[in-house]
Amino acid sequence: MIELQGVTKRYEKTVAVAGIDYRFRPGKLTGFLGPNGAGKSTTIRMIMNIIAPDSGRITAGGEPLSEAFRNRLGYLPEERGLYKKMKVLDHLVFSGGLKGLARGEARRRGLAWLERLGLADRAQSKVEDLSKGMQQKIQFAGTLLHEPELVLLDEPFSGLDPLNVDAFKAILLELRTRGVTLIFSTHMMEQAEQLCDEIALIDSGRLVLSGTLAELRAGYGRSNLRVRFAGDGGVLRSDPRVASYSEPKPGLAELRLTDADQVSAVLRDWSARLAIDHFEVMVPSLHNIFIHTVTAGAGAGARQEGGAAWTR
């Protein structure tokens, strides 16, 4: 189990990572999420010992991460790093050798991955002759060639077309069923929502929320509503118990209450002033949860008329 304890990293006056405490559970697929510049890549680079934390500890099983342990990891950096003059298969064999694979075994596994990723006919092509998407597949294969027990992927879906996104997802889910621990960073909340067992949300270098998706949703109760009505939507919009409001179309409101315990009261009050045809509690998406958490943390209490509402 990799554990972060008070991990902090500063660049001059900028705090990139601010005292993060988190345990990545073994055998789980954890999404390390947040907007660009939140500190995700910096944290992953500290786990890989590419950069050192200014303070705090990063441990595995209670012990500092050794180089031998890190050699058992797979790491896909956000910046794609390939030797573009090398042939594709030679590159994979070289990558395997860096992780201790014998040349013959690295070649066998490399050919298998090229077949799996639809690149068997490009084994003797130079890396520079491949498209960006193909190059990303090569680096992905190189990350997994030595069959690591823990894999860290920094924005693995960036730049991929939908078919290749699905192919990568299938591989990640397959690895999870085999007990591999997976950590990937992304700012694409929908990808994490579909894949992750555990979620850690980071903003401005701070861990702001963590847990399973079910746990995160449960923490937001029953305060997200959809109301179909006839009449003036201003009755809903101006209610001080409404924290955010939007009308996707006339007569349909999507809103969030300041307090989930007010649902019965607001329904009673609104029904006296409007003809309400339909009323339902909505399940917040991970994107909605993150936006709410970040804005609440920034002290953004103002009502966001016409802004993004909570969605299914």
Protein backbone atom coordinates (compact mmCIF):
# COMPACT_ATOMS: atom_id res chain seq x y z
CA MET A 1 0.00 0.00 0.00
CA ILE A 2 1.38 3.41 -0.99
CA GLU A 3 0.70 6.07 1.61
CA LEU A 4 1.25 9.82 1.46
CA GLN A 5 1.74 11.54 4.81
CA GLY A 6 1.82 15.33 4.87
CA VAL A 7 3.43 15.47 1.43
CA THR A 8 4.26 19.03 0.39
CA LYS A 9 6.04 20.51 -2.63
CA ARG A 10 6.81 24.18 -3.27
CA TYR A 11 8.21 25.98 -6.28
CA GLU A 12 9.51 29.34 -5.05
CA LYS A 13 6.34 31.09 -3.81
CA THR A 14 3.93 28.56 -5.30
CA VAL A 15 2.69 25.64 -3.21
CA ALA A 16 2.11 22.86 -5.76
CA VAL A 17 1.14 20.19 -3.22
CA ALA A 18 0.01 21.19 0.26
CA GLY A 19 0.27 18.52 2.94
CA ILE A 20 -1.57 15.66 1.24
CA ASP A 21 -2.45 12.61 3.34
CA TYR A 22 -3.80 9.63 1.39
CA ARG A 23 -3.63 5.84 1.20
CA PHE A 24 -3.91 4.14 -2.19
CA ARG A 25 -5.59 0.80 -1.53
CA PRO A 26 -3.93 -2.25 -3.14
CA GLY A 27 -5.79 -3.97 -5.96
CA LYS A 28 -8.02 -0.95 -6.59
CA LEU A 29 -8.32 1.52 -9.44
CA THR A 30 -7.97 4.99 -7.95
CA GLY A 31 -8.70 8.18 -9.83
CA PHE A 32 -6.53 11.10 -8.78
CA LEU A 33 -8.65 13.94 -10.08
CA GLY A 34 -8.61 17.69 -10.40
CA PRO A 35 -8.31 20.58 -12.85
CA ASN A 36 -5.14 21.36 -14.75
CA GLY A 37 -2.49 22.68 -12.38
CA ALA A 38 -4.08 21.13 -9.28
CA GLY A 39 -0.94 19.19 -8.30
CA LYS A 40 -1.77 15.74 -9.65
CA SER A 41 1.29 15.31 -11.85
CA THR A 42 3.58 16.72 -9.18
CA THR A 43 2.28 14.16 -6.69
CA ILE A 44 2.76 11.27 -9.11
CA ARG A 45 6.30 12.46 -9.90
CA MET A 46 7.08 12.47 -6.18
CA ILE A 47 5.82 8.89 -5.87
CA MET A 48 8.16 7.97 -8.74
CA ASN A 49 11.05 9.90 -7.11
CA ILE A 50 11.44 12.10 -10.18
CA ILE A 51 11.20 15.04 -7.80
CA ALA A 52 11.48 14.99 -4.02
CA PRO A 53 8.90 16.36 -1.59
CA ASP A 54 9.95 19.31 0.54
CA SER A 55 8.31 17.67 3.52
CA GLY A 56 6.21 14.63 4.37
CA ARG A 57 6.68 10.92 3.68
CA ILE A 58 5.80 8.54 0.85
CA THR A 59 5.85 4.91 1.98
CA ALA A 60 4.87 1.40 0.87
CA GLY A 61 3.90 -0.95 3.68
CA GLY A 62 5.20 1.61 6.13
CA GLU A 63 8.68 1.70 4.58
CA PRO A 64 10.23 4.38 2.34
CA LEU A 65 9.91 3.55 -1.35
CA SER A 66 13.11 1.89 -2.54
CA GLU A 67 14.45 1.94 -6.09
CA ALA A 68 13.85 -1.82 -6.24
CA PHE A 69 10.19 -1.21 -5.42
CA ARG A 70 9.90 1.58 -7.99
CA ASN A 71 11.34 -0.76 -10.63
CA ARG A 72 8.29 -2.94 -10.09
CA LEU A 73 6.02 -0.02 -10.95
CA GLY A 74 4.71 1.01 -14.33
CA TYR A 75 4.66 4.73 -15.08
CA LEU A 76 3.06 6.54 -18.01
CA PRO A 77 4.05 10.22 -17.77
CA GLU A 78 1.91 13.04 -19.07
CA GLU A 79 4.76 14.12 -21.35
CA ARG A 80 5.20 11.34 -23.87
CA GLY A 81 8.87 10.33 -24.05
CA LEU A 82 9.87 8.05 -26.92
CA TYR A 83 13.07 7.61 -28.91
CA LYS A 84 11.59 8.54 -32.25
CA LYS A 85 14.43 7.21 -34.43
CA MET A 86 14.07 3.70 -32.97
CA LYS A 87 11.91 1.03 -34.52
CA VAL A 88 8.73 0.27 -32.63
CA LEU A 89 9.58 -3.27 -31.52
CA ASP A 90 13.15 -2.29 -30.66
CA HIS A 91 11.77 0.46 -28.46
CA LEU A 92 9.60 -1.98 -26.54
CA VAL A 93 12.49 -4.41 -26.13
CA PHE A 94 14.62 -1.54 -24.83
CA SER A 95 11.87 -0.50 -22.39
CA GLY A 96 11.58 -4.06 -21.12
CA GLY A 97 15.33 -4.28 -20.62
CA LEU A 98 15.25 -1.20 -18.41
CA LYS A 99 12.88 -3.11 -16.13
CA GLY A 100 15.01 -6.26 -16.05
CA LEU A 101 13.41 -8.35 -18.80
CA ALA A 102 15.64 -10.60 -20.88
CA ARG A 103 15.77 -9.57 -24.53
CA GLY A 104 13.88 -12.61 -25.81
CA GLU A 105 11.11 -12.23 -23.24
CA ALA A 106 10.82 -8.50 -23.89
CA ARG A 107 10.51 -9.21 -27.62
CA ARG A 108 7.82 -11.85 -27.05
CA ARG A 109 5.80 -9.54 -24.83
CA GLY A 110 6.33 -6.60 -27.15
CA LEU A 111 4.93 -8.51 -30.12
CA ALA A 112 1.94 -9.60 -28.03
CA TRP A 113 1.19 -6.01 -27.04
CA LEU A 114 1.51 -4.78 -30.62
CA GLU A 115 -0.99 -7.42 -31.67
CA ARG A 116 -3.32 -6.45 -28.83
CA LEU A 117 -3.17 -2.77 -29.71
CA GLY A 118 -3.60 -3.25 -33.46
CA LEU A 119 -0.02 -2.30 -34.33
CA ALA A 120 1.47 -5.67 -35.32
CA ASP A 121 2.12 -4.39 -38.84
CA ARG A 122 4.13 -1.44 -37.49
CA ALA A 123 6.71 -3.42 -35.52
CA GLN A 124 9.53 -2.42 -37.88
CA SER A 125 8.34 1.17 -38.42
CA LYS A 126 10.22 4.02 -36.85
CA VAL A 127 8.42 5.62 -33.92
CA GLU A 128 8.56 9.02 -35.65
CA ASP A 129 6.51 7.62 -38.54
CA LEU A 130 3.55 6.80 -36.27
CA SER A 131 0.63 9.07 -35.51
CA LYS A 132 0.43 10.64 -32.05
CA GLY A 133 -2.26 8.16 -31.05
CA MET A 134 -0.11 5.23 -32.17
CA GLN A 135 2.87 6.62 -30.28
CA GLN A 136 0.74 6.84 -27.17
CA LYS A 137 -0.14 3.16 -27.60
CA ILE A 138 3.56 2.30 -27.78
CA GLN A 139 4.31 4.16 -24.57
CA PHE A 140 1.30 2.52 -22.90
CA ALA A 141 2.57 -0.92 -23.94
CA GLY A 142 6.05 -0.06 -22.64
CA THR A 143 4.52 0.92 -19.30
CA LEU A 144 2.92 -2.51 -18.90
CA LEU A 145 5.51 -4.73 -20.60
CA HIS A 146 7.19 -5.90 -17.38
CA GLU A 147 3.81 -6.75 -15.78
CA PRO A 148 4.05 -4.23 -12.92
CA GLU A 149 2.15 -4.78 -9.68
CA LEU A 150 1.31 -1.07 -9.46
CA VAL A 151 0.71 1.25 -12.42
CA LEU A 152 0.64 5.06 -12.37
CA LEU A 153 -0.80 6.79 -15.42
CA ASP A 154 -0.73 10.56 -15.79
CA GLU A 155 -3.58 11.73 -18.07
CA PRO A 156 -3.60 8.42 -20.01
CA PHE A 157 -6.59 9.33 -22.20
CA SER A 158 -5.27 12.69 -23.37
CA GLY A 159 -5.27 12.95 -27.16
CA LEU A 160 -6.87 9.55 -27.79
CA ASP A 161 -9.83 9.04 -30.09
CA PRO A 162 -12.95 7.36 -28.62
CA LEU A 163 -12.04 3.89 -29.91
CA ASN A 164 -8.61 3.98 -28.30
CA VAL A 165 -10.04 5.41 -25.08
CA ASP A 166 -12.30 2.36 -24.92
CA ALA A 167 -9.35 0.05 -25.66
CA PHE A 168 -7.29 1.59 -22.84
CA LYS A 169 -10.26 1.37 -20.46
CA ALA A 170 -10.72 -2.33 -21.23
CA ILE A 171 -7.05 -3.00 -20.49
CA LEU A 172 -7.19 -1.09 -17.19
CA LEU A 173 -10.27 -3.01 -16.09
CA GLU A 174 -8.62 -6.29 -17.04
CA LEU A 175 -5.55 -5.40 -14.99
CA ARG A 176 -7.76 -4.57 -12.02
CA THR A 177 -9.42 -7.99 -12.16
CA ARG A 178 -5.90 -9.48 -11.94
CA GLY A 179 -5.23 -7.57 -8.73
CA VAL A 180 -2.97 -4.86 -10.15
CA THR A 181 -3.11 -1.56 -8.25
CA LEU A 182 -3.86 1.30 -10.63
CA ILE A 183 -3.60 5.04 -10.08
CA PHE A 184 -4.43 7.46 -12.85
CA SER A 185 -4.71 11.21 -12.90
CA THR A 186 -7.22 13.02 -15.05
CA HIS A 187 -9.26 16.19 -15.25
CA MET A 188 -11.96 14.24 -17.15
CA MET A 189 -14.47 13.40 -14.43
CA GLU A 190 -16.64 11.17 -16.62
CA GLN A 191 -13.74 8.78 -17.22
CA ALA A 192 -13.15 8.40 -13.49
CA GLU A 193 -16.86 7.97 -12.86
CA GLN A 194 -16.94 5.01 -15.23
CA LEU A 195 -13.73 3.31 -14.06
CA CYS A 196 -12.73 4.03 -10.50
CA ASP A 197 -13.15 2.10 -7.28
CA GLU A 198 -11.75 5.00 -5.27
CA ILE A 199 -11.60 8.71 -6.01
CA ALA A 200 -9.33 11.43 -4.63
CA LEU A 201 -10.20 14.99 -5.62
CA ILE A 202 -7.41 17.56 -5.48
CA ASP A 203 -7.58 21.31 -6.00
CA SER A 204 -4.85 23.93 -5.59
CA GLY A 205 -2.54 21.27 -4.19
CA ARG A 206 -4.96 20.16 -1.47
CA LEU A 207 -6.94 16.96 -1.14
CA VAL A 208 -10.52 18.21 -0.91
CA LEU A 209 -12.53 14.98 -1.05
CA SER A 210 -11.96 11.23 -1.21
CA GLY A 211 -13.89 7.96 -1.10
CA THR A 212 -15.88 5.69 -3.38
CA LEU A 213 -18.30 7.31 -5.82
CA ALA A 214 -21.21 5.98 -3.75
CA GLU A 215 -19.74 7.52 -0.60
CA LEU A 216 -19.19 10.87 -2.30
CA ARG A 217 -22.73 10.91 -3.66
CA ALA A 218 -24.17 9.93 -0.28
CA GLY A 219 -22.41 12.93 1.23
CA TYR A 220 -24.55 15.22 -0.91
CA GLY A 221 -27.83 13.78 0.30
CA ARG A 222 -31.09 14.62 -1.43
CA SER A 223 -30.55 18.30 -2.13
CA ASN A 224 -30.43 18.15 -5.95
CA LEU A 225 -33.84 18.47 -7.55
CA ARG A 226 -35.57 18.56 -10.91
CA VAL A 227 -38.95 20.30 -11.02
CA ARG A 228 -41.40 20.50 -13.94
CA PHE A 229 -43.89 23.31 -13.43
CA ALA A 230 -46.31 25.78 -15.01
CA GLY A 231 -45.94 29.42 -14.06
CA ASP A 232 -43.15 31.82 -13.14
CA GLY A 233 -39.81 30.13 -12.45
CA GLY A 234 -38.79 33.17 -10.45
CA VAL A 235 -40.66 31.65 -7.51
CA LEU A 236 -38.02 28.90 -7.41
CA ARG A 237 -35.04 30.98 -8.49
CA SER A 238 -35.52 33.66 -5.83
CA ASP A 239 -36.07 31.25 -2.95
CA PRO A 240 -33.19 31.77 -0.48
CA ARG A 241 -33.11 28.01 0.12
CA VAL A 242 -31.94 27.48 -3.48
CA ALA A 243 -28.13 27.44 -3.81
CA SER A 244 -27.95 27.05 -7.61
CA TYR A 245 -30.58 27.15 -10.34
CA SER A 246 -30.94 26.64 -14.08
CA GLU A 247 -33.78 26.14 -16.56
CA PRO A 248 -32.71 23.78 -19.38
CA LYS A 249 -36.01 24.67 -21.03
CA PRO A 250 -39.11 26.65 -20.08
CA GLY A 251 -41.05 24.97 -17.32
CA LEU A 252 -38.17 22.70 -16.25
CA ALA A 253 -35.84 23.67 -13.41
CA GLU A 254 -32.75 21.90 -12.11
CA LEU A 255 -31.57 23.19 -8.76
CA ARG A 256 -29.70 22.48 -5.57
CA LEU A 257 -30.95 23.31 -2.09
CA THR A 258 -28.74 24.65 0.65
CA ASP A 259 -30.04 21.90 2.96
CA ALA A 260 -31.39 18.46 1.99
CA ASP A 261 -33.69 18.50 5.03
CA GLN A 262 -35.70 21.29 3.36
CA VAL A 263 -37.04 19.15 0.51
CA SER A 264 -40.49 18.55 2.04
CA ALA A 265 -40.86 22.18 3.10
CA VAL A 266 -39.92 23.68 -0.26
CA LEU A 267 -42.19 21.28 -2.11
CA ARG A 268 -45.09 22.30 0.10
CA ASP A 269 -44.35 26.01 -0.30
CA TRP A 270 -43.82 25.87 -4.06
CA SER A 271 -46.94 23.79 -4.63
CA ALA A 272 -48.97 26.59 -3.06
CA ARG A 273 -47.63 29.09 -5.63
CA LEU A 274 -47.00 26.99 -8.74
CA ALA A 275 -48.61 24.12 -10.60
CA ILE A 276 -45.92 21.46 -10.13
CA ASP A 277 -46.29 18.57 -12.58
CA HIS A 278 -43.20 16.58 -11.64
CA PHE A 279 -40.65 16.60 -8.81
CA GLU A 280 -37.62 14.34 -8.42
CA VAL A 281 -34.36 14.07 -6.54
CA MET A 282 -31.35 13.87 -8.88
CA VAL A 283 -28.11 11.95 -8.39
CA PRO A 284 -25.12 14.32 -8.64
CA SER A 285 -22.38 13.51 -11.11
CA LEU A 286 -18.75 13.44 -10.02
CA HIS A 287 -18.22 16.66 -11.98
CA ASN A 288 -21.00 18.34 -10.00
CA ILE A 289 -19.61 17.11 -6.69
CA PHE A 290 -16.17 18.44 -7.53
CA ILE A 291 -17.42 21.84 -8.68
CA HIS A 292 -19.54 22.20 -5.54
CA THR A 293 -16.64 21.19 -3.29
CA VAL A 294 -14.19 23.59 -4.93
CA THR A 295 -16.58 26.56 -4.97
CA ALA A 296 -17.66 25.89 -1.38
CA GLY A 297 -14.01 25.73 -0.33
CA ALA A 298 -13.38 29.07 -2.00
CA GLY A 299 -16.24 30.60 -0.08
CA ALA A 300 -18.39 31.01 -3.15
CA GLY A 301 -21.76 31.30 -1.58
CA ALA A 302 -23.40 33.41 -4.23
CA ARG A 303 -26.28 31.88 -6.11
CA GLN A 304 -25.35 30.96 -9.67
CA GLU A 305 -28.39 31.88 -11.73
CA GLY A 306 -28.33 30.27 -15.13
CA GLY A 307 -25.19 28.34 -14.20
CA ALA A 308 -24.50 24.65 -14.39
CA ALA A 309 -27.07 22.62 -12.50
CA TRP A 310 -26.61 19.23 -10.91
CA THR A 311 -27.16 16.41 -13.36
CA ARG A 312 -27.98 12.76 -13.31
